[in-house]
C-alpha cells in the first residue's frame, strides 16, 4: 500500500542532464540502454534530448570519455545479453521441473 504524504520527485542538475543526453547521442548507443544505465525512464531522457535541442538546457557536459566500442561490438553485446537472459530462464524452468519431479508428496497425490 502506498504511503501517505507528498510524492518524492528527483531533481537532476543541468550538468547531469547534458552528460546523459550527450552519451545517448553517441552513434550505435541505444537511448534505452543509456536510460537503464542511469536508472531513469526513457521518456525522461527523450524529454531532456528535446529540451537540449530547443536550447532550454544549457551548459557543458563534463567527464565524458570518447567511446572506443565499435557499432558491431555493441550489436554483439546486445545479442549476448539476450542469449544470457534466455539461458537463465531455461535454467530456472529446469530447476523447477527437477524440484517438481523429485518431490515424493506430489507423486502420491490422488487428484
C-alpha atoms as a PDB file:
ATOM      1  CA  UNK A   1       0.000   0.000   0.000  1.00  0.00           C
ATOM      2  CA  UNK A   2       1.277   3.459  -0.844  1.00  0.00           C
ATOM      3  CA  UNK A   3       2.399   5.723   1.956  1.00  0.00           C
ATOM      4  CA  UNK A   4       0.508   8.907   2.626  1.00  0.00           C
ATOM      5  CA  UNK A   5       2.312  12.171   2.092  1.00  0.00           C
ATOM      6  CA  UNK A   6       3.882  14.153  -0.690  1.00  0.00           C
ATOM      7  CA  UNK A   7       5.291  12.348  -3.699  1.00  0.00           C
ATOM      8  CA  UNK A   8       9.084  12.395  -3.932  1.00  0.00           C
ATOM      9  CA  UNK A   9      10.456  13.741  -7.194  1.00  0.00           C
ATOM     10  CA  UNK A  10      14.138  13.566  -8.019  1.00  0.00           C
ATOM     11  CA  UNK A  11      15.748  16.741  -9.321  1.00  0.00           C
ATOM     12  CA  UNK A  12      18.687  16.418 -11.675  1.00  0.00           C
ATOM     13  CA  UNK A  13      21.277  19.083 -12.375  1.00  0.00           C
ATOM     14  CA  UNK A  14      21.640  20.515 -15.869  1.00  0.00           C
ATOM     15  CA  UNK A  15      25.180  19.118 -15.992  1.00  0.00           C
ATOM     16  CA  UNK A  16      23.875  15.610 -15.300  1.00  0.00           C
ATOM     17  CA  UNK A  17      21.141  16.004 -17.932  1.00  0.00           C
ATOM     18  CA  UNK A  18      23.635  17.213 -20.517  1.00  0.00           C
ATOM     19  CA  UNK A  19      26.003  14.350 -19.750  1.00  0.00           C
ATOM     20  CA  UNK A  20      23.270  11.738 -20.151  1.00  0.00           C
ATOM     21  CA  UNK A  21      21.984  13.379 -23.343  1.00  0.00           C
ATOM     22  CA  UNK A  22      25.477  13.503 -24.825  1.00  0.00           C
ATOM     23  CA  UNK A  23      26.006   9.818 -24.041  1.00  0.00           C
ATOM     24  CA  UNK A  24      22.682   8.969 -25.673  1.00  0.00           C
ATOM     25  CA  UNK A  25      23.725  10.694 -28.898  1.00  0.00           C
ATOM     26  CA  UNK A  26      26.830   8.549 -29.389  1.00  0.00           C
ATOM     27  CA  UNK A  27      26.494   6.599 -32.626  1.00  0.00           C
ATOM     28  CA  UNK A  28      25.472   2.990 -32.043  1.00  0.00           C
ATOM     29  CA  UNK A  29      24.284   3.517 -28.457  1.00  0.00           C
ATOM     30  CA  UNK A  30      20.594   2.882 -27.761  1.00  0.00           C
ATOM     31  CA  UNK A  31      18.667   5.507 -25.807  1.00  0.00           C
ATOM     32  CA  UNK A  32      17.012   2.765 -23.747  1.00  0.00           C
ATOM     33  CA  UNK A  33      20.391   1.395 -22.699  1.00  0.00           C
ATOM     34  CA  UNK A  34      21.564   4.810 -21.515  1.00  0.00           C
ATOM     35  CA  UNK A  35      18.316   5.341 -19.608  1.00  0.00           C
ATOM     36  CA  UNK A  36      18.607   1.944 -17.935  1.00  0.00           C
ATOM     37  CA  UNK A  37      22.240   2.604 -17.014  1.00  0.00           C
ATOM     38  CA  UNK A  38      21.369   5.847 -15.235  1.00  0.00           C
ATOM     39  CA  UNK A  39      18.122   4.450 -13.795  1.00  0.00           C
ATOM     40  CA  UNK A  40      15.867   6.998 -15.471  1.00  0.00           C
ATOM     41  CA  UNK A  41      12.790   6.459 -17.595  1.00  0.00           C
ATOM     42  CA  UNK A  42      13.433   6.534 -21.364  1.00  0.00           C
ATOM     43  CA  UNK A  43      10.626   9.075 -21.697  1.00  0.00           C
ATOM     44  CA  UNK A  44      12.500  11.454 -19.384  1.00  0.00           C
ATOM     45  CA  UNK A  45      15.670  11.078 -21.441  1.00  0.00           C
ATOM     46  CA  UNK A  46      13.687  11.832 -24.596  1.00  0.00           C
ATOM     47  CA  UNK A  47      12.294  14.950 -22.929  1.00  0.00           C
ATOM     48  CA  UNK A  48      15.803  16.082 -21.953  1.00  0.00           C
ATOM     49  CA  UNK A  49      17.041  15.490 -25.504  1.00  0.00           C
ATOM     50  CA  UNK A  50      14.239  17.689 -26.840  1.00  0.00           C
ATOM     51  CA  UNK A  51      14.988  20.380 -24.257  1.00  0.00           C
ATOM     52  CA  UNK A  52      18.688  20.394 -25.194  1.00  0.00           C
ATOM     53  CA  UNK A  53      17.779  20.552 -28.884  1.00  0.00           C
ATOM     54  CA  UNK A  54      15.479  23.537 -28.250  1.00  0.00           C
ATOM     55  CA  UNK A  55      18.088  25.284 -26.092  1.00  0.00           C
ATOM     56  CA  UNK A  56      16.143  25.036 -22.826  1.00  0.00           C
ATOM     57  CA  UNK A  57      19.020  23.225 -21.094  1.00  0.00           C
ATOM     58  CA  UNK A  58      22.369  24.933 -21.499  1.00  0.00           C
ATOM     59  CA  UNK A  59      25.823  24.278 -20.146  1.00  0.00           C
ATOM     60  CA  UNK A  60      28.562  21.778 -20.743  1.00  0.00           C
ATOM     61  CA  UNK A  61      28.765  18.075 -20.141  1.00  0.00           C
ATOM     62  CA  UNK A  62      31.927  17.147 -18.277  1.00  0.00           C
ATOM     63  CA  UNK A  63      33.863  13.936 -17.923  1.00  0.00           C
ATOM     64  CA  UNK A  64      32.598  12.073 -20.969  1.00  0.00           C
ATOM     65  CA  UNK A  65      35.292   9.851 -22.444  1.00  0.00           C
ATOM     66  CA  UNK A  66      35.304   9.191 -26.169  1.00  0.00           C
ATOM     67  CA  UNK A  67      33.733   5.788 -26.853  1.00  0.00           C
ATOM     68  CA  UNK A  68      36.097   3.077 -28.033  1.00  0.00           C
ATOM     69  CA  UNK A  69      33.444   0.436 -28.723  1.00  0.00           C
ATOM     70  CA  UNK A  70      32.528  -0.122 -32.350  1.00  0.00           C
ATOM     71  CA  UNK A  71      28.973  -0.492 -33.610  1.00  0.00           C
ATOM     72  CA  UNK A  72      29.397  -4.213 -34.359  1.00  0.00           C
ATOM     73  CA  UNK A  73      30.637  -4.831 -30.836  1.00  0.00           C
ATOM     74  CA  UNK A  74      27.562  -3.132 -29.365  1.00  0.00           C
ATOM     75  CA  UNK A  75      25.270  -5.258 -31.520  1.00  0.00           C
ATOM     76  CA  UNK A  76      27.145  -8.388 -30.456  1.00  0.00           C
ATOM     77  CA  UNK A  77      26.973  -7.382 -26.781  1.00  0.00           C
ATOM     78  CA  UNK A  78      23.184  -6.916 -27.006  1.00  0.00           C
ATOM     79  CA  UNK A  79      22.879 -10.306 -28.675  1.00  0.00           C
ATOM     80  CA  UNK A  80      24.932 -11.997 -25.956  1.00  0.00           C
ATOM     81  CA  UNK A  81      22.813 -10.315 -23.258  1.00  0.00           C
ATOM     82  CA  UNK A  82      19.630 -11.658 -24.874  1.00  0.00           C
ATOM     83  CA  UNK A  83      21.119 -15.147 -25.076  1.00  0.00           C
ATOM     84  CA  UNK A  84      22.153 -14.978 -21.407  1.00  0.00           C
ATOM     85  CA  UNK A  85      18.640 -13.935 -20.367  1.00  0.00           C
ATOM     86  CA  UNK A  86      17.135 -16.809 -22.349  1.00  0.00           C
ATOM     87  CA  UNK A  87      19.549 -19.377 -20.902  1.00  0.00           C
ATOM     88  CA  UNK A  88      18.911 -18.088 -17.394  1.00  0.00           C
ATOM     89  CA  UNK A  89      15.165 -18.521 -17.911  1.00  0.00           C
ATOM     90  CA  UNK A  90      15.689 -22.030 -19.282  1.00  0.00           C
ATOM     91  CA  UNK A  91      17.793 -22.915 -16.245  1.00  0.00           C
ATOM     92  CA  UNK A  92      15.104 -21.681 -13.860  1.00  0.00           C
ATOM     93  CA  UNK A  93      12.469 -23.758 -15.680  1.00  0.00           C
ATOM     94  CA  UNK A  94      14.668 -26.862 -15.488  1.00  0.00           C
ATOM     95  CA  UNK A  95      15.265 -26.308 -11.767  1.00  0.00           C
ATOM     96  CA  UNK A  96      11.509 -26.108 -11.170  1.00  0.00           C
ATOM     97  CA  UNK A  97      10.926 -29.263 -13.226  1.00  0.00           C
ATOM     98  CA  UNK A  98      13.537 -31.163 -11.217  1.00  0.00           C
ATOM     99  CA  UNK A  99      12.026 -29.994  -7.917  1.00  0.00           C
ATOM    100  CA  UNK A 100       8.535 -30.949  -9.078  1.00  0.00           C
ATOM    101  CA  UNK A 101       9.506 -34.402 -10.337  1.00  0.00           C
ATOM    102  CA  UNK A 102      11.621 -35.251  -7.297  1.00  0.00           C
ATOM    103  CA  UNK A 103       9.001 -34.303  -4.682  1.00  0.00           C
ATOM    104  CA  UNK A 104       7.504 -37.587  -3.347  1.00  0.00           C
ATOM    105  CA  UNK A 105       4.410 -35.881  -1.926  1.00  0.00           C
ATOM    106  CA  UNK A 106       3.364 -34.760  -5.393  1.00  0.00           C
ATOM    107  CA  UNK A 107       3.631 -38.262  -6.926  1.00  0.00           C
ATOM    108  CA  UNK A 108       1.376 -39.917  -4.332  1.00  0.00           C
ATOM    109  CA  UNK A 109      -1.442 -37.432  -4.806  1.00  0.00           C
ATOM    110  CA  UNK A 110      -4.775 -38.965  -5.967  1.00  0.00           C
ATOM    111  CA  UNK A 111      -6.108 -35.788  -7.513  1.00  0.00           C
END
